[in-house]
Amino acid sequence: MDFIAMLTLFVLAIFLGVELITKVPPTLHTPLMSGSNAISGITLVGALIAAGHGESVLVQVFGFVAVVLATINVVGGFMVTNRMLAMFKRK
């Protein structure tokens, strides 16, 4: 039963994330990306806990996938924020 609940939560999180991102206009992506880095950092900590304390191999695999995806999101967010801030620097 725990597996089905975790799988359902995982699928719902993916669906919600895709729906939220597709509804944001492109002009707001850059400012929102810098603000969402904190949320992605929290996601990364939760994924590390899930991967480290997983009682089964499947939980550890899902935790590892979550760590990889959250890390990509955090790094991408910092890159976009850095690029955005570089636009305002004097040459």
Protein backbone atom coordinates (compact mmCIF):
# COMPACT_ATOMS: atom_id res chain seq x y z
CA MET A 1 0.00 0.00 0.00
CA ASP A 2 2.86 2.39 0.72
CA PHE A 3 4.24 1.93 -2.78
CA ILE A 4 0.95 2.86 -4.42
CA ALA A 5 0.58 5.95 -2.21
CA MET A 6 4.15 7.10 -2.99
CA LEU A 7 3.74 6.42 -6.71
CA THR A 8 0.46 8.36 -6.74
CA LEU A 9 2.10 11.28 -4.95
CA PHE A 10 5.03 11.21 -7.39
CA VAL A 11 2.76 11.21 -10.45
CA LEU A 12 0.60 14.00 -9.02
CA ALA A 13 3.70 16.10 -8.29
CA ILE A 14 4.90 15.67 -11.87
CA PHE A 15 1.48 16.57 -13.27
CA LEU A 16 1.13 19.61 -11.01
CA GLY A 17 4.63 20.84 -11.85
CA VAL A 18 4.06 20.57 -15.59
CA GLU A 19 0.67 22.28 -15.35
CA LEU A 20 2.05 25.15 -13.29
CA ILE A 21 5.06 25.77 -15.51
CA THR A 22 3.07 25.70 -18.74
CA LYS A 23 0.60 28.28 -17.40
CA VAL A 24 3.32 30.87 -16.62
CA PRO A 25 3.94 33.37 -19.44
CA PRO A 26 7.51 33.39 -20.81
CA THR A 27 8.14 36.95 -19.59
CA LEU A 28 7.69 35.82 -16.00
CA HIS A 29 9.92 32.75 -16.15
CA THR A 30 13.15 34.59 -15.32
CA PRO A 31 11.95 36.42 -12.17
CA LEU A 32 10.06 33.38 -10.96
CA MET A 33 13.05 31.12 -11.56
CA SER A 34 15.17 33.04 -9.07
CA GLY A 35 12.41 32.83 -6.48
CA SER A 36 11.81 29.14 -7.07
CA ASN A 37 15.41 28.21 -6.32
CA ALA A 38 14.60 28.22 -2.60
CA ILE A 39 11.69 25.85 -3.20
CA SER A 40 13.90 23.62 -5.34
CA GLY A 41 16.48 23.60 -2.57
CA ILE A 42 13.84 22.33 -0.15
CA THR A 43 12.85 19.71 -2.72
CA LEU A 44 16.49 18.69 -3.00
CA VAL A 45 16.79 18.23 0.76
CA GLY A 46 13.61 16.13 0.81
CA ALA A 47 14.88 14.04 -2.09
CA LEU A 48 18.19 13.46 -0.31
CA ILE A 49 16.34 12.30 2.79
CA ALA A 50 14.14 9.98 0.71
CA ALA A 51 17.14 8.53 -1.13
CA GLY A 52 19.17 8.08 2.04
CA HIS A 53 16.51 6.58 4.27
CA GLY A 54 14.69 4.50 1.68
CA GLU A 55 13.81 1.07 2.99
CA SER A 56 13.50 -0.48 -0.44
CA VAL A 57 15.50 -0.21 -3.61
CA LEU A 58 12.57 1.35 -5.48
CA VAL A 59 12.30 4.18 -2.93
CA GLN A 60 16.04 4.79 -3.25
CA VAL A 61 15.76 4.87 -7.05
CA PHE A 62 12.87 7.37 -6.91
CA GLY A 63 14.86 9.39 -4.37
CA PHE A 64 17.89 9.41 -6.66
CA VAL A 65 15.79 10.50 -9.64
CA ALA A 66 14.29 13.28 -7.50
CA VAL A 67 17.79 14.39 -6.43
CA VAL A 68 18.96 14.54 -10.05
CA LEU A 69 15.90 16.47 -11.26
CA ALA A 70 15.95 18.92 -8.32
CA THR A 71 19.68 19.52 -8.84
CA ILE A 72 19.12 20.28 -12.52
CA ASN A 73 16.35 22.68 -11.54
CA VAL A 74 18.48 24.50 -8.96
CA VAL A 75 21.52 24.80 -11.25
CA GLY A 76 19.36 25.95 -14.16
CA GLY A 77 17.67 28.50 -11.93
CA PHE A 78 20.97 29.94 -10.80
CA MET A 79 22.22 30.08 -14.39
CA VAL A 80 19.12 31.95 -15.54
CA THR A 81 19.31 34.32 -12.58
CA ASN A 82 22.99 35.00 -13.24
CA ARG A 83 22.25 35.69 -16.88
CA MET A 84 19.40 38.00 -15.94
CA LEU A 85 21.58 39.96 -13.50
CA ALA A 86 24.35 40.23 -16.11
CA MET A 87 21.94 42.17 -18.32
CA PHE A 88 21.87 44.99 -15.74
CA LYS A 89 25.63 45.32 -15.28
CA ARG A 90 27.42 48.23 -16.86
CA LYS A 91 29.77 47.37 -19.65
